[in-house]
């Protein structure tokens, strides 16, 4: 493997970017950490009256809510194992992982609905990537969302843009990051670059980029978790 092929662009926001970089280093790869997104906490009033459980779809949601409110007594439903681990590390003791995507999380919550005496609160991004609340409400569950952080677009550095043609791959964890990359590829095509995406939904904004000559390939992980995503880097 050449030096260029070993260098992998990590586009997710910090602090998740650093965790991904550590995993890449353990694989013998060289991460280039240059997020396309930046996370900022919001400060909404957190009224937990009548809330029976919390639902998290991201590590950022866990972290922002944990800084906002000290209550750790309510059970937590998490979209995947990484988010579940973040909830446990934040002090929540009753945590269940859906080990999947937002649809899997909704199904998990609905399976447990009979045990919930109250509402499900979803601490989320200001503009969430998926809609967790709609299927819960449609099924008759009391559920609402609380925006606890926002994600803003971030431009890649000139150094990263200059290296696009020599990178082994770019990792994309969200549709929004993929949209940011897609806009930059119009100006700075990288026909030799592989885009590795956490899911088909993440890959969707890059549809047509390969045919247009702006990307070399777009591949989605078979399961929406980082382990499956990083496995795409193995021969």
C-alpha atoms as a PDB file:
ATOM      1  CA  UNK A   1       0.000   0.000   0.000  1.00  0.00           C
ATOM      2  CA  UNK A   2       1.434   3.362  -1.007  1.00  0.00           C
ATOM      3  CA  UNK A   3       1.663   6.265   1.437  1.00  0.00           C
ATOM      4  CA  UNK A   4      -1.169   8.044  -0.357  1.00  0.00           C
ATOM      5  CA  UNK A   5      -3.442   5.020  -0.201  1.00  0.00           C
ATOM      6  CA  UNK A   6      -2.829   4.795   3.543  1.00  0.00           C
ATOM      7  CA  UNK A   7      -4.004   8.363   4.182  1.00  0.00           C
ATOM      8  CA  UNK A   8      -7.711   8.572   5.010  1.00  0.00           C
ATOM      9  CA  UNK A   9      -9.692  11.807   5.300  1.00  0.00           C
ATOM     10  CA  UNK A  10     -11.909  11.915   8.404  1.00  0.00           C
ATOM     11  CA  UNK A  11     -14.725  14.422   7.823  1.00  0.00           C
ATOM     12  CA  UNK A  12     -16.918  13.946  10.904  1.00  0.00           C
ATOM     13  CA  UNK A  13     -17.127  16.614  13.584  1.00  0.00           C
ATOM     14  CA  UNK A  14     -14.986  16.579  16.704  1.00  0.00           C
ATOM     15  CA  UNK A  15     -14.738  14.885  19.138  1.00  0.00           C
ATOM     16  CA  UNK A  16     -15.938  11.910  17.086  1.00  0.00           C
ATOM     17  CA  UNK A  17     -13.287  12.645  14.458  1.00  0.00           C
ATOM     18  CA  UNK A  18     -10.496  11.998  16.927  1.00  0.00           C
ATOM     19  CA  UNK A  19     -12.041   8.671  17.984  1.00  0.00           C
ATOM     20  CA  UNK A  20     -12.238   7.594  14.335  1.00  0.00           C
ATOM     21  CA  UNK A  21      -8.651   8.710  13.771  1.00  0.00           C
ATOM     22  CA  UNK A  22      -7.490   6.539  16.664  1.00  0.00           C
ATOM     23  CA  UNK A  23      -9.197   3.508  15.119  1.00  0.00           C
ATOM     24  CA  UNK A  24      -7.553   4.206  11.763  1.00  0.00           C
ATOM     25  CA  UNK A  25      -4.138   4.454  13.394  1.00  0.00           C
ATOM     26  CA  UNK A  26      -4.736   1.087  15.077  1.00  0.00           C
ATOM     27  CA  UNK A  27      -5.354  -0.318  11.584  1.00  0.00           C
ATOM     28  CA  UNK A  28      -2.000   1.009  10.385  1.00  0.00           C
ATOM     29  CA  UNK A  29      -3.571   3.824   8.384  1.00  0.00           C
ATOM     30  CA  UNK A  30      -2.809   7.545   8.470  1.00  0.00           C
ATOM     31  CA  UNK A  31      -5.847   9.714   9.306  1.00  0.00           C
ATOM     32  CA  UNK A  32      -6.225  13.232   7.982  1.00  0.00           C
ATOM     33  CA  UNK A  33      -8.629  14.896  10.427  1.00  0.00           C
ATOM     34  CA  UNK A  34     -10.358  17.836   8.739  1.00  0.00           C
ATOM     35  CA  UNK A  35     -14.068  17.924   9.678  1.00  0.00           C
ATOM     36  CA  UNK A  36     -16.660  19.165   7.217  1.00  0.00           C
ATOM     37  CA  UNK A  37     -19.030  19.848  10.137  1.00  0.00           C
ATOM     38  CA  UNK A  38     -18.775  21.643  13.455  1.00  0.00           C
ATOM     39  CA  UNK A  39     -21.028  20.995  16.462  1.00  0.00           C
ATOM     40  CA  UNK A  40     -22.226  23.777  18.765  1.00  0.00           C
ATOM     41  CA  UNK A  41     -24.308  23.329  21.911  1.00  0.00           C
ATOM     42  CA  UNK A  42     -27.671  25.037  22.253  1.00  0.00           C
ATOM     43  CA  UNK A  43     -29.161  26.022  25.613  1.00  0.00           C
ATOM     44  CA  UNK A  44     -32.880  25.184  25.564  1.00  0.00           C
ATOM     45  CA  UNK A  45     -34.840  24.808  28.800  1.00  0.00           C
ATOM     46  CA  UNK A  46     -34.891  21.098  29.649  1.00  0.00           C
ATOM     47  CA  UNK A  47     -38.303  20.298  31.127  1.00  0.00           C
ATOM     48  CA  UNK A  48     -38.364  16.581  31.955  1.00  0.00           C
ATOM     49  CA  UNK A  49     -41.762  16.598  33.640  1.00  0.00           C
ATOM     50  CA  UNK A  50     -43.744  13.667  32.282  1.00  0.00           C
ATOM     51  CA  UNK A  51     -40.754  12.234  30.418  1.00  0.00           C
ATOM     52  CA  UNK A  52     -40.420   8.471  30.865  1.00  0.00           C
ATOM     53  CA  UNK A  53     -37.403   7.820  28.626  1.00  0.00           C
ATOM     54  CA  UNK A  54     -34.760   9.483  26.491  1.00  0.00           C
ATOM     55  CA  UNK A  55     -33.889   8.573  22.909  1.00  0.00           C
ATOM     56  CA  UNK A  56     -30.525   9.462  21.384  1.00  0.00           C
ATOM     57  CA  UNK A  57     -29.539   9.218  17.735  1.00  0.00           C
ATOM     58  CA  UNK A  58     -25.974  10.485  18.129  1.00  0.00           C
ATOM     59  CA  UNK A  59     -23.046  10.797  20.495  1.00  0.00           C
ATOM     60  CA  UNK A  60     -23.302  14.565  20.058  1.00  0.00           C
ATOM     61  CA  UNK A  61     -26.875  14.468  21.335  1.00  0.00           C
ATOM     62  CA  UNK A  62     -25.790  12.525  24.407  1.00  0.00           C
ATOM     63  CA  UNK A  63     -22.932  14.906  25.143  1.00  0.00           C
ATOM     64  CA  UNK A  64     -24.982  18.082  24.667  1.00  0.00           C
ATOM     65  CA  UNK A  65     -27.872  16.821  26.785  1.00  0.00           C
ATOM     66  CA  UNK A  66     -25.531  15.604  29.529  1.00  0.00           C
ATOM     67  CA  UNK A  67     -24.056  19.105  29.752  1.00  0.00           C
ATOM     68  CA  UNK A  68     -27.549  20.601  29.799  1.00  0.00           C
ATOM     69  CA  UNK A  69     -29.170  18.441  32.495  1.00  0.00           C
ATOM     70  CA  UNK A  70     -27.792  16.389  35.393  1.00  0.00           C
ATOM     71  CA  UNK A  71     -30.659  13.865  35.530  1.00  0.00           C
ATOM     72  CA  UNK A  72     -29.465  10.339  34.780  1.00  0.00           C
ATOM     73  CA  UNK A  73     -32.397   8.354  36.199  1.00  0.00           C
ATOM     74  CA  UNK A  74     -34.451   7.803  33.060  1.00  0.00           C
ATOM     75  CA  UNK A  75     -33.900   4.824  30.750  1.00  0.00           C
ATOM     76  CA  UNK A  76     -32.162   5.553  27.467  1.00  0.00           C
ATOM     77  CA  UNK A  77     -32.757   4.159  23.978  1.00  0.00           C
ATOM     78  CA  UNK A  78     -29.746   4.619  21.684  1.00  0.00           C
ATOM     79  CA  UNK A  79     -29.533   4.272  17.921  1.00  0.00           C
ATOM     80  CA  UNK A  80     -26.338   2.199  18.027  1.00  0.00           C
ATOM     81  CA  UNK A  81     -23.659   0.763  20.249  1.00  0.00           C
ATOM     82  CA  UNK A  82     -21.379   3.792  20.035  1.00  0.00           C
ATOM     83  CA  UNK A  83     -24.168   6.122  21.150  1.00  0.00           C
ATOM     84  CA  UNK A  84     -25.142   3.649  23.862  1.00  0.00           C
ATOM     85  CA  UNK A  85     -21.563   3.566  25.130  1.00  0.00           C
ATOM     86  CA  UNK A  86     -21.492   7.374  25.233  1.00  0.00           C
ATOM     87  CA  UNK A  87     -24.704   7.361  27.293  1.00  0.00           C
ATOM     88  CA  UNK A  88     -23.253   4.898  29.788  1.00  0.00           C
ATOM     89  CA  UNK A  89     -20.068   6.938  30.052  1.00  0.00           C
ATOM     90  CA  UNK A  90     -22.220  10.024  30.705  1.00  0.00           C
ATOM     91  CA  UNK A  91     -23.737   8.264  33.718  1.00  0.00           C
ATOM     92  CA  UNK A  92     -26.938   6.677  32.416  1.00  0.00           C
ATOM     93  CA  UNK A  93     -27.306   3.189  33.879  1.00  0.00           C
ATOM     94  CA  UNK A  94     -30.273   1.816  31.897  1.00  0.00           C
ATOM     95  CA  UNK A  95     -29.271   1.963  28.226  1.00  0.00           C
ATOM     96  CA  UNK A  96     -30.563  -0.151  25.336  1.00  0.00           C
ATOM     97  CA  UNK A  97     -29.040  -0.059  21.857  1.00  0.00           C
ATOM     98  CA  UNK A  98     -31.021  -0.529  18.643  1.00  0.00           C
ATOM     99  CA  UNK A  99     -27.768  -1.445  16.879  1.00  0.00           C
ATOM    100  CA  UNK A 100     -28.987   0.129  13.661  1.00  0.00           C
ATOM    101  CA  UNK A 101     -30.445   3.317  12.220  1.00  0.00           C
ATOM    102  CA  UNK A 102     -33.293   5.676  13.150  1.00  0.00           C
ATOM    103  CA  UNK A 103     -35.899   3.208  11.868  1.00  0.00           C
ATOM    104  CA  UNK A 104     -34.422   0.477  14.061  1.00  0.00           C
ATOM    105  CA  UNK A 105     -34.481   2.826  17.045  1.00  0.00           C
ATOM    106  CA  UNK A 106     -38.147   3.668  16.444  1.00  0.00           C
ATOM    107  CA  UNK A 107     -38.969  -0.039  16.287  1.00  0.00           C
ATOM    108  CA  UNK A 108     -37.093  -0.689  19.524  1.00  0.00           C
ATOM    109  CA  UNK A 109     -38.969   2.081  21.338  1.00  0.00           C
ATOM    110  CA  UNK A 110     -42.340   0.905  20.037  1.00  0.00           C
ATOM    111  CA  UNK A 111     -41.548  -2.634  21.199  1.00  0.00           C
ATOM    112  CA  UNK A 112     -41.019  -1.220  24.697  1.00  0.00           C
ATOM    113  CA  UNK A 113     -43.908   1.256  24.592  1.00  0.00           C
ATOM    114  CA  UNK A 114     -46.066  -0.782  26.944  1.00  0.00           C
ATOM    115  CA  UNK A 115     -43.506  -0.303  29.699  1.00  0.00           C
ATOM    116  CA  UNK A 116     -43.315   3.468  29.354  1.00  0.00           C
ATOM    117  CA  UNK A 117     -45.456   5.590  31.622  1.00  0.00           C
ATOM    118  CA  UNK A 118     -44.968   8.955  29.987  1.00  0.00           C
ATOM    119  CA  UNK A 119     -43.340  10.636  27.011  1.00  0.00           C
ATOM    120  CA  UNK A 120     -40.185   9.838  25.067  1.00  0.00           C
ATOM    121  CA  UNK A 121     -37.871  12.827  24.711  1.00  0.00           C
ATOM    122  CA  UNK A 122     -35.418  12.917  21.813  1.00  0.00           C
ATOM    123  CA  UNK A 123     -32.510  15.336  22.471  1.00  0.00           C
ATOM    124  CA  UNK A 124     -31.327  15.996  18.949  1.00  0.00           C
ATOM    125  CA  UNK A 125     -29.643  18.253  16.454  1.00  0.00           C
ATOM    126  CA  UNK A 126     -31.435  21.437  15.408  1.00  0.00           C
ATOM    127  CA  UNK A 127     -31.768  19.822  11.961  1.00  0.00           C
ATOM    128  CA  UNK A 128     -31.746  16.040  12.549  1.00  0.00           C
ATOM    129  CA  UNK A 129     -30.692  13.769   9.719  1.00  0.00           C
ATOM    130  CA  UNK A 130     -33.657  11.435  10.292  1.00  0.00           C
ATOM    131  CA  UNK A 131     -37.153  11.740  11.759  1.00  0.00           C
ATOM    132  CA  UNK A 132     -37.498   9.622  14.889  1.00  0.00           C
ATOM    133  CA  UNK A 133     -40.583  11.353  16.257  1.00  0.00           C
ATOM    134  CA  UNK A 134     -43.034  10.904  13.345  1.00  0.00           C
ATOM    135  CA  UNK A 135     -43.245   7.089  13.456  1.00  0.00           C
ATOM    136  CA  UNK A 136     -43.579   7.132  17.237  1.00  0.00           C
ATOM    137  CA  UNK A 137     -46.404   9.671  17.202  1.00  0.00           C
ATOM    138  CA  UNK A 138     -48.088   7.871  14.304  1.00  0.00           C
ATOM    139  CA  UNK A 139     -48.138   4.728  16.438  1.00  0.00           C
ATOM    140  CA  UNK A 140     -49.823   6.623  19.269  1.00  0.00           C
ATOM    141  CA  UNK A 141     -46.798   7.200  21.461  1.00  0.00           C
ATOM    142  CA  UNK A 142     -46.257  10.486  23.262  1.00  0.00           C
ATOM    143  CA  UNK A 143     -42.914  11.684  21.881  1.00  0.00           C
ATOM    144  CA  UNK A 144     -41.227  15.005  21.294  1.00  0.00           C
ATOM    145  CA  UNK A 145     -37.885  16.413  20.210  1.00  0.00           C
ATOM    146  CA  UNK A 146     -35.589  18.857  21.995  1.00  0.00           C
ATOM    147  CA  UNK A 147     -32.835  20.504  19.929  1.00  0.00           C
ATOM    148  CA  UNK A 148     -29.737  20.497  22.138  1.00  0.00           C
ATOM    149  CA  UNK A 149     -27.064  21.191  19.532  1.00  0.00           C
ATOM    150  CA  UNK A 150     -26.631  22.458  16.011  1.00  0.00           C
ATOM    151  CA  UNK A 151     -24.322  21.371  13.250  1.00  0.00           C
ATOM    152  CA  UNK A 152     -22.833  23.925  10.888  1.00  0.00           C
ATOM    153  CA  UNK A 153     -20.913  23.407   7.670  1.00  0.00           C
ATOM    154  CA  UNK A 154     -17.161  23.790   7.743  1.00  0.00           C
ATOM    155  CA  UNK A 155     -14.836  24.324   4.779  1.00  0.00           C
ATOM    156  CA  UNK A 156     -11.958  21.878   4.278  1.00  0.00           C
ATOM    157  CA  UNK A 157      -8.501  23.326   4.642  1.00  0.00           C
ATOM    158  CA  UNK A 158      -6.460  24.321   1.555  1.00  0.00           C
ATOM    159  CA  UNK A 159      -3.996  21.567   2.499  1.00  0.00           C
ATOM    160  CA  UNK A 160      -6.736  18.924   2.321  1.00  0.00           C
ATOM    161  CA  UNK A 161      -8.013  20.245  -0.998  1.00  0.00           C
ATOM    162  CA  UNK A 162      -4.510  20.110  -2.428  1.00  0.00           C
ATOM    163  CA  UNK A 163      -4.191  16.472  -1.302  1.00  0.00           C
ATOM    164  CA  UNK A 164      -7.530  15.204  -2.690  1.00  0.00           C
ATOM    165  CA  UNK A 165      -5.976  13.388  -5.605  1.00  0.00           C
ATOM    166  CA  UNK A 166      -3.499  11.562  -3.375  1.00  0.00           C
ATOM    167  CA  UNK A 167      -5.780  10.381  -0.561  1.00  0.00           C
ATOM    168  CA  UNK A 168      -6.771   6.750  -0.221  1.00  0.00           C
ATOM    169  CA  UNK A 169     -10.370   7.471   0.771  1.00  0.00           C
ATOM    170  CA  UNK A 170     -12.719   9.903   2.480  1.00  0.00           C
ATOM    171  CA  UNK A 171     -14.982   8.717   5.316  1.00  0.00           C
ATOM    172  CA  UNK A 172     -18.480  10.193   5.538  1.00  0.00           C
ATOM    173  CA  UNK A 173     -20.686   9.654   8.585  1.00  0.00           C
ATOM    174  CA  UNK A 174     -23.689  11.855   7.710  1.00  0.00           C
ATOM    175  CA  UNK A 175     -25.710  13.037   4.704  1.00  0.00           C
ATOM    176  CA  UNK A 176     -24.867  16.617   5.591  1.00  0.00           C
ATOM    177  CA  UNK A 177     -21.122  16.003   5.396  1.00  0.00           C
ATOM    178  CA  UNK A 178     -21.693  14.271   2.064  1.00  0.00           C
ATOM    179  CA  UNK A 179     -23.575  17.330   0.802  1.00  0.00           C
ATOM    180  CA  UNK A 180     -20.713  19.603   1.829  1.00  0.00           C
ATOM    181  CA  UNK A 181     -18.223  17.347   0.036  1.00  0.00           C
ATOM    182  CA  UNK A 182     -20.434  17.209  -3.057  1.00  0.00           C
ATOM    183  CA  UNK A 183     -20.409  21.002  -3.327  1.00  0.00           C
ATOM    184  CA  UNK A 184     -16.647  21.146  -3.046  1.00  0.00           C
ATOM    185  CA  UNK A 185     -16.166  18.444  -5.663  1.00  0.00           C
ATOM    186  CA  UNK A 186     -17.841  20.656  -8.249  1.00  0.00           C
ATOM    187  CA  UNK A 187     -14.989  23.103  -7.786  1.00  0.00           C
ATOM    188  CA  UNK A 188     -12.275  20.558  -6.971  1.00  0.00           C
ATOM    189  CA  UNK A 189     -12.999  17.212  -8.691  1.00  0.00           C
ATOM    190  CA  UNK A 190     -11.149  14.171  -7.329  1.00  0.00           C
ATOM    191  CA  UNK A 191     -11.708  11.374  -9.869  1.00  0.00           C
ATOM    192  CA  UNK A 192      -9.297   9.056  -8.031  1.00  0.00           C
ATOM    193  CA  UNK A 193     -10.874   9.445  -4.570  1.00  0.00           C
ATOM    194  CA  UNK A 194     -13.030   6.762  -2.936  1.00  0.00           C
ATOM    195  CA  UNK A 195     -15.938   7.964  -0.771  1.00  0.00           C
ATOM    196  CA  UNK A 196     -16.838   5.456   1.953  1.00  0.00           C
ATOM    197  CA  UNK A 197     -20.214   6.164   3.536  1.00  0.00           C
ATOM    198  CA  UNK A 198     -21.829   5.002   6.768  1.00  0.00           C
ATOM    199  CA  UNK A 199     -25.082   4.122   4.982  1.00  0.00           C
ATOM    200  CA  UNK A 200     -26.952   4.410   1.711  1.00  0.00           C
ATOM    201  CA  UNK A 201     -28.636   7.558   3.053  1.00  0.00           C
ATOM    202  CA  UNK A 202     -25.219   9.127   3.638  1.00  0.00           C
ATOM    203  CA  UNK A 203     -24.128   8.216   0.107  1.00  0.00           C
ATOM    204  CA  UNK A 204     -27.227   9.667  -1.557  1.00  0.00           C
ATOM    205  CA  UNK A 205     -25.948  13.268  -1.903  1.00  0.00           C
ATOM    206  CA  UNK A 206     -23.015  11.901  -3.910  1.00  0.00           C
ATOM    207  CA  UNK A 207     -25.201  10.204  -6.517  1.00  0.00           C
ATOM    208  CA  UNK A 208     -23.943  11.146  -9.945  1.00  0.00           C
ATOM    209  CA  UNK A 209     -20.531  12.304  -8.748  1.00  0.00           C
ATOM    210  CA  UNK A 210     -18.782   9.232 -10.155  1.00  0.00           C
ATOM    211  CA  UNK A 211     -20.503   9.484 -13.555  1.00  0.00           C
ATOM    212  CA  UNK A 212     -19.643  13.192 -13.628  1.00  0.00           C
ATOM    213  CA  UNK A 213     -15.972  12.382 -13.060  1.00  0.00           C
ATOM    214  CA  UNK A 214     -15.796  14.121  -9.699  1.00  0.00           C
ATOM    215  CA  UNK A 215     -15.230  10.951  -7.615  1.00  0.00           C
ATOM    216  CA  UNK A 216     -13.633   7.590  -8.245  1.00  0.00           C
ATOM    217  CA  UNK A 217     -16.168   5.486  -6.326  1.00  0.00           C
ATOM    218  CA  UNK A 218     -18.902   5.710  -3.696  1.00  0.00           C
ATOM    219  CA  UNK A 219     -19.439   2.750  -1.373  1.00  0.00           C
ATOM    220  CA  UNK A 220     -21.884   2.325   1.497  1.00  0.00           C
ATOM    221  CA  UNK A 221     -21.209   0.205   4.583  1.00  0.00           C
ATOM    222  CA  UNK A 222     -23.419  -2.918   4.748  1.00  0.00           C
ATOM    223  CA  UNK A 223     -24.470  -1.947   8.288  1.00  0.00           C
ATOM    224  CA  UNK A 224     -24.824   1.629   9.634  1.00  0.00           C
ATOM    225  CA  UNK A 225     -22.001   1.499  12.157  1.00  0.00           C
ATOM    226  CA  UNK A 226     -18.392   2.580  12.101  1.00  0.00           C
ATOM    227  CA  UNK A 227     -16.992  -0.929  12.395  1.00  0.00           C
ATOM    228  CA  UNK A 228     -18.676  -1.858   9.129  1.00  0.00           C
ATOM    229  CA  UNK A 229     -17.541   1.418   7.586  1.00  0.00           C
ATOM    230  CA  UNK A 230     -13.893   0.894   8.499  1.00  0.00           C
ATOM    231  CA  UNK A 231     -14.044  -2.686   7.267  1.00  0.00           C
ATOM    232  CA  UNK A 232     -14.405  -1.217   3.758  1.00  0.00           C
ATOM    233  CA  UNK A 233     -10.763  -0.135   4.078  1.00  0.00           C
ATOM    234  CA  UNK A 234      -9.462  -3.689   4.475  1.00  0.00           C
ATOM    235  CA  UNK A 235      -8.338  -5.552   1.348  1.00  0.00           C
END
